[in-house]
Amino acid sequence: MNIGQAIQLARSKRKLSQAALAKRAGISVSYLSLLERGRRDPPLSTIQRIAAALVMPVEILFFLGAEEGELGQLNRDLAGQLAITALELLNGPLSDQAEISS
């Protein structure tokens, strides 16, 4: 699982800087940087806050962070198509009022 890479990818698609995402998620920029580079493994509560700050379900972050063999019987081509679709849904910047409902 490469959750850091998924966070970085989603943040980029949302056109957020590390500082903006860190502020929205209530974490430090340095911690976010460590997460994105795979230097720290965040607790689920932090992943949930980051997903909420990105206005996306946490499950999508986990899906995007899944590495080969971690998706069980899911066909590799189908997984690629699902990832592309998920990323297309993330295109564009967020408004300051955008929030995800829990």
N, C-alpha and C. Protein backbone atom coordinates (compact mmCIF):
# COMPACT_ATOMS: atom_id res chain seq x y z
N MET A 1 0.85 -1.18 0.00
CA MET A 1 0.00 0.00 0.00
C MET A 1 0.89 1.23 0.00
N ASN A 2 0.65 2.11 -0.94
CA ASN A 2 1.40 3.36 -1.01
C ASN A 2 0.43 4.52 -0.86
N ILE A 3 -0.03 4.73 0.36
CA ILE A 3 -1.03 5.77 0.63
C ILE A 3 -0.45 7.15 0.37
N GLY A 4 0.84 7.32 0.61
CA GLY A 4 1.48 8.63 0.38
C GLY A 4 1.41 9.04 -1.08
N GLN A 5 1.67 8.09 -1.96
CA GLN A 5 1.60 8.38 -3.39
C GLN A 5 0.17 8.73 -3.79
N ALA A 6 -0.80 8.04 -3.21
CA ALA A 6 -2.21 8.32 -3.50
C ALA A 6 -2.58 9.72 -3.02
N ILE A 7 -2.11 10.10 -1.85
CA ILE A 7 -2.39 11.45 -1.32
C ILE A 7 -1.80 12.50 -2.25
N GLN A 8 -0.55 12.29 -2.65
CA GLN A 8 0.11 13.26 -3.53
C GLN A 8 -0.62 13.37 -4.87
N LEU A 9 -1.03 12.25 -5.42
CA LEU A 9 -1.74 12.24 -6.69
C LEU A 9 -3.07 12.98 -6.57
N ALA A 10 -3.83 12.68 -5.52
CA ALA A 10 -5.12 13.33 -5.32
C ALA A 10 -4.94 14.82 -5.05
N ARG A 11 -3.94 15.18 -4.27
CA ARG A 11 -3.67 16.59 -3.97
C ARG A 11 -3.36 17.34 -5.26
N SER A 12 -2.54 16.75 -6.10
CA SER A 12 -2.19 17.38 -7.37
C SER A 12 -3.41 17.54 -8.26
N LYS A 13 -4.26 16.50 -8.33
CA LYS A 13 -5.47 16.59 -9.13
C LYS A 13 -6.41 17.67 -8.61
N ARG A 14 -6.42 17.88 -7.31
CA ARG A 14 -7.25 18.92 -6.70
C ARG A 14 -6.60 20.30 -6.77
N LYS A 15 -5.39 20.33 -7.33
CA LYS A 15 -4.64 21.58 -7.46
C LYS A 15 -4.44 22.29 -6.12
N LEU A 16 -4.07 21.49 -5.13
CA LEU A 16 -3.78 22.01 -3.79
C LEU A 16 -2.28 21.93 -3.53
N SER A 17 -1.74 22.93 -2.90
CA SER A 17 -0.35 22.87 -2.44
C SER A 17 -0.32 21.99 -1.19
N GLN A 18 0.88 21.58 -0.82
CA GLN A 18 1.00 20.83 0.43
C GLN A 18 0.52 21.69 1.60
N ALA A 19 0.84 22.97 1.58
CA ALA A 19 0.43 23.85 2.67
C ALA A 19 -1.09 23.94 2.77
N ALA A 20 -1.76 24.05 1.63
CA ALA A 20 -3.22 24.16 1.64
C ALA A 20 -3.87 22.88 2.14
N LEU A 21 -3.38 21.73 1.66
CA LEU A 21 -3.96 20.47 2.12
C LEU A 21 -3.67 20.24 3.60
N ALA A 22 -2.46 20.52 4.02
CA ALA A 22 -2.11 20.34 5.43
C ALA A 22 -3.02 21.18 6.32
N LYS A 23 -3.26 22.40 5.93
CA LYS A 23 -4.13 23.29 6.71
C LYS A 23 -5.55 22.73 6.77
N ARG A 24 -6.07 22.31 5.61
CA ARG A 24 -7.43 21.76 5.56
C ARG A 24 -7.56 20.50 6.40
N ALA A 25 -6.49 19.68 6.45
CA ALA A 25 -6.52 18.41 7.18
C ALA A 25 -6.11 18.56 8.65
N GLY A 26 -5.60 19.71 9.01
CA GLY A 26 -5.18 19.92 10.40
C GLY A 26 -3.90 19.20 10.76
N ILE A 27 -2.99 19.11 9.79
CA ILE A 27 -1.69 18.50 10.04
C ILE A 27 -0.60 19.47 9.57
N SER A 28 0.63 19.20 9.94
CA SER A 28 1.72 20.09 9.54
C SER A 28 2.15 19.78 8.10
N VAL A 29 2.72 20.77 7.45
CA VAL A 29 3.23 20.59 6.10
C VAL A 29 4.35 19.56 6.10
N SER A 30 5.21 19.62 7.11
CA SER A 30 6.33 18.67 7.15
C SER A 30 5.82 17.23 7.31
N TYR A 31 4.78 17.04 8.10
CA TYR A 31 4.21 15.69 8.26
C TYR A 31 3.59 15.22 6.95
N LEU A 32 2.86 16.10 6.28
CA LEU A 32 2.27 15.75 4.98
C LEU A 32 3.37 15.37 3.98
N SER A 33 4.44 16.12 3.98
CA SER A 33 5.55 15.82 3.09
C SER A 33 6.12 14.43 3.38
N LEU A 34 6.28 14.11 4.65
CA LEU A 34 6.78 12.78 5.04
C LEU A 34 5.81 11.69 4.59
N LEU A 35 4.52 11.94 4.71
CA LEU A 35 3.52 10.96 4.27
C LEU A 35 3.62 10.73 2.77
N GLU A 36 3.67 11.82 2.02
CA GLU A 36 3.70 11.71 0.56
C GLU A 36 4.97 11.00 0.06
N ARG A 37 6.05 11.15 0.79
CA ARG A 37 7.30 10.49 0.40
C ARG A 37 7.42 9.08 0.96
N GLY A 38 6.37 8.62 1.67
CA GLY A 38 6.38 7.27 2.21
C GLY A 38 7.27 7.09 3.42
N ARG A 39 7.61 8.19 4.09
CA ARG A 39 8.50 8.12 5.26
C ARG A 39 7.75 7.87 6.56
N ARG A 40 6.43 8.02 6.53
CA ARG A 40 5.59 7.78 7.71
C ARG A 40 4.36 7.01 7.27
N ASP A 41 3.86 6.18 8.18
CA ASP A 41 2.60 5.47 7.97
C ASP A 41 1.56 6.12 8.87
N PRO A 42 0.61 6.83 8.28
CA PRO A 42 -0.36 7.57 9.10
C PRO A 42 -1.42 6.64 9.70
N PRO A 43 -1.95 7.03 10.86
CA PRO A 43 -3.07 6.27 11.41
C PRO A 43 -4.32 6.53 10.56
N LEU A 44 -5.29 5.65 10.68
CA LEU A 44 -6.52 5.77 9.91
C LEU A 44 -7.19 7.12 10.13
N SER A 45 -7.16 7.64 11.34
CA SER A 45 -7.81 8.93 11.62
C SER A 45 -7.19 10.05 10.78
N THR A 46 -5.89 10.01 10.57
CA THR A 46 -5.22 11.02 9.75
C THR A 46 -5.60 10.84 8.28
N ILE A 47 -5.65 9.60 7.82
CA ILE A 47 -6.05 9.35 6.44
C ILE A 47 -7.48 9.84 6.22
N GLN A 48 -8.34 9.63 7.19
CA GLN A 48 -9.73 10.10 7.08
C GLN A 48 -9.79 11.63 7.00
N ARG A 49 -8.97 12.31 7.79
CA ARG A 49 -8.95 13.78 7.75
C ARG A 49 -8.43 14.28 6.42
N ILE A 50 -7.41 13.61 5.89
CA ILE A 50 -6.86 14.00 4.59
C ILE A 50 -7.89 13.77 3.49
N ALA A 51 -8.56 12.63 3.52
CA ALA A 51 -9.60 12.34 2.52
C ALA A 51 -10.71 13.39 2.60
N ALA A 52 -11.12 13.75 3.79
CA ALA A 52 -12.15 14.77 3.95
C ALA A 52 -11.66 16.12 3.40
N ALA A 53 -10.41 16.44 3.65
CA ALA A 53 -9.84 17.69 3.15
C ALA A 53 -9.75 17.69 1.63
N LEU A 54 -9.61 16.51 1.04
CA LEU A 54 -9.57 16.37 -0.42
C LEU A 54 -10.98 16.22 -1.02
N VAL A 55 -11.97 16.15 -0.15
CA VAL A 55 -13.37 15.96 -0.53
C VAL A 55 -13.50 14.70 -1.40
N MET A 56 -13.08 13.61 -0.80
CA MET A 56 -13.17 12.31 -1.48
C MET A 56 -13.32 11.22 -0.44
N PRO A 57 -13.96 10.12 -0.80
CA PRO A 57 -14.06 9.00 0.14
C PRO A 57 -12.69 8.40 0.44
N VAL A 58 -12.49 8.01 1.66
CA VAL A 58 -11.22 7.41 2.07
C VAL A 58 -10.96 6.14 1.27
N GLU A 59 -12.01 5.45 0.88
CA GLU A 59 -11.85 4.22 0.11
C GLU A 59 -11.15 4.47 -1.22
N ILE A 60 -11.39 5.63 -1.82
CA ILE A 60 -10.74 5.97 -3.09
C ILE A 60 -9.24 6.15 -2.86
N LEU A 61 -8.87 6.78 -1.76
CA LEU A 61 -7.44 6.93 -1.44
C LEU A 61 -6.79 5.55 -1.29
N PHE A 62 -7.47 4.65 -0.59
CA PHE A 62 -6.92 3.31 -0.42
C PHE A 62 -6.81 2.60 -1.77
N PHE A 63 -7.82 2.75 -2.61
CA PHE A 63 -7.79 2.12 -3.93
C PHE A 63 -6.63 2.67 -4.75
N LEU A 64 -6.47 4.00 -4.76
CA LEU A 64 -5.40 4.61 -5.53
C LEU A 64 -4.02 4.23 -4.99
N GLY A 65 -3.95 3.95 -3.70
CA GLY A 65 -2.67 3.58 -3.09
C GLY A 65 -2.35 2.10 -3.15
N ALA A 66 -3.31 1.31 -3.63
CA ALA A 66 -3.10 -0.14 -3.69
C ALA A 66 -2.02 -0.47 -4.71
N GLU A 67 -1.17 -1.38 -4.34
CA GLU A 67 -0.11 -1.84 -5.24
C GLU A 67 -0.51 -3.18 -5.84
N GLU A 68 0.22 -3.60 -6.86
CA GLU A 68 -0.10 -4.83 -7.56
C GLU A 68 -0.21 -5.99 -6.57
N GLY A 69 -1.27 -6.75 -6.73
CA GLY A 69 -1.50 -7.90 -5.86
C GLY A 69 -2.35 -7.59 -4.64
N GLU A 70 -2.59 -6.32 -4.36
CA GLU A 70 -3.37 -5.95 -3.18
C GLU A 70 -4.87 -5.82 -3.47
N LEU A 71 -5.26 -5.96 -4.70
CA LEU A 71 -6.67 -5.82 -5.05
C LEU A 71 -7.33 -7.17 -5.31
N GLY A 72 -6.71 -8.20 -4.83
CA GLY A 72 -7.30 -9.54 -4.93
C GLY A 72 -7.53 -9.97 -6.36
N GLN A 73 -8.74 -10.38 -6.66
CA GLN A 73 -9.09 -10.94 -7.96
C GLN A 73 -9.43 -9.88 -9.00
N LEU A 74 -9.35 -8.60 -8.66
CA LEU A 74 -9.70 -7.54 -9.59
C LEU A 74 -8.74 -7.54 -10.78
N ASN A 75 -9.29 -7.63 -11.95
CA ASN A 75 -8.52 -7.62 -13.19
C ASN A 75 -7.67 -6.36 -13.26
N ARG A 76 -6.42 -6.51 -13.67
CA ARG A 76 -5.48 -5.39 -13.72
C ARG A 76 -5.96 -4.26 -14.64
N ASP A 77 -6.52 -4.63 -15.81
CA ASP A 77 -7.03 -3.63 -16.74
C ASP A 77 -8.22 -2.88 -16.15
N LEU A 78 -9.10 -3.61 -15.48
CA LEU A 78 -10.25 -2.98 -14.85
C LEU A 78 -9.80 -2.05 -13.73
N ALA A 79 -8.82 -2.48 -12.96
CA ALA A 79 -8.29 -1.62 -11.89
C ALA A 79 -7.73 -0.33 -12.47
N GLY A 80 -7.03 -0.43 -13.59
CA GLY A 80 -6.49 0.77 -14.24
C GLY A 80 -7.58 1.70 -14.71
N GLN A 81 -8.63 1.15 -15.29
CA GLN A 81 -9.75 1.97 -15.75
C GLN A 81 -10.47 2.64 -14.58
N LEU A 82 -10.64 1.91 -13.49
CA LEU A 82 -11.27 2.49 -12.30
C LEU A 82 -10.42 3.62 -11.72
N ALA A 83 -9.11 3.44 -11.71
CA ALA A 83 -8.22 4.48 -11.20
C ALA A 83 -8.30 5.73 -12.07
N ILE A 84 -8.33 5.55 -13.39
CA ILE A 84 -8.45 6.69 -14.30
C ILE A 84 -9.76 7.43 -14.06
N THR A 85 -10.83 6.70 -13.92
CA THR A 85 -12.13 7.31 -13.66
C THR A 85 -12.14 8.06 -12.34
N ALA A 86 -11.58 7.46 -11.31
CA ALA A 86 -11.52 8.12 -10.00
C ALA A 86 -10.72 9.41 -10.09
N LEU A 87 -9.61 9.39 -10.80
CA LEU A 87 -8.78 10.58 -10.93
C LEU A 87 -9.47 11.66 -11.75
N GLU A 88 -10.23 11.27 -12.76
CA GLU A 88 -10.97 12.26 -13.54
C GLU A 88 -12.00 12.98 -12.69
N LEU A 89 -12.58 12.27 -11.73
CA LEU A 89 -13.55 12.88 -10.83
C LEU A 89 -12.91 13.91 -9.90
N LEU A 90 -11.60 13.80 -9.72
CA LEU A 90 -10.88 14.72 -8.83
C LEU A 90 -10.35 15.94 -9.56
N ASN A 91 -10.47 16.01 -10.86
CA ASN A 91 -9.92 17.14 -11.61
C ASN A 91 -10.51 18.45 -11.13
N GLY A 92 -9.65 19.41 -10.97
CA GLY A 92 -10.08 20.76 -10.66
C GLY A 92 -9.85 21.15 -9.22
N PRO A 93 -9.77 22.45 -9.01
CA PRO A 93 -9.53 22.97 -7.66
C PRO A 93 -10.79 22.87 -6.81
N LEU A 94 -10.59 22.94 -5.53
CA LEU A 94 -11.69 22.92 -4.58
C LEU A 94 -12.04 24.33 -4.16
N SER A 95 -13.30 24.57 -3.89
CA SER A 95 -13.67 25.85 -3.30
C SER A 95 -13.36 25.78 -1.81
N ASP A 96 -13.27 26.93 -1.18
CA ASP A 96 -12.97 26.96 0.25
C ASP A 96 -14.09 26.33 1.08
N GLN A 97 -15.31 26.30 0.53
CA GLN A 97 -16.43 25.76 1.27
C GLN A 97 -16.65 24.28 1.03
N ALA A 98 -15.91 23.69 0.09
CA ALA A 98 -16.13 22.28 -0.25
C ALA A 98 -15.78 21.38 0.93
N GLU A 99 -16.71 20.53 1.29
CA GLU A 99 -16.49 19.56 2.36
C GLU A 99 -17.16 18.27 1.99
N ILE A 100 -16.67 17.18 2.54
CA ILE A 100 -17.29 15.88 2.31
C ILE A 100 -18.12 15.54 3.53
N SER A 101 -19.26 14.97 3.31
CA SER A 101 -20.10 14.58 4.46
C SER A 101 -19.70 13.20 4.92
N SER A 102 -19.69 13.00 6.21
CA SER A 102 -19.28 11.71 6.78
C SER A 102 -20.45 10.78 6.91
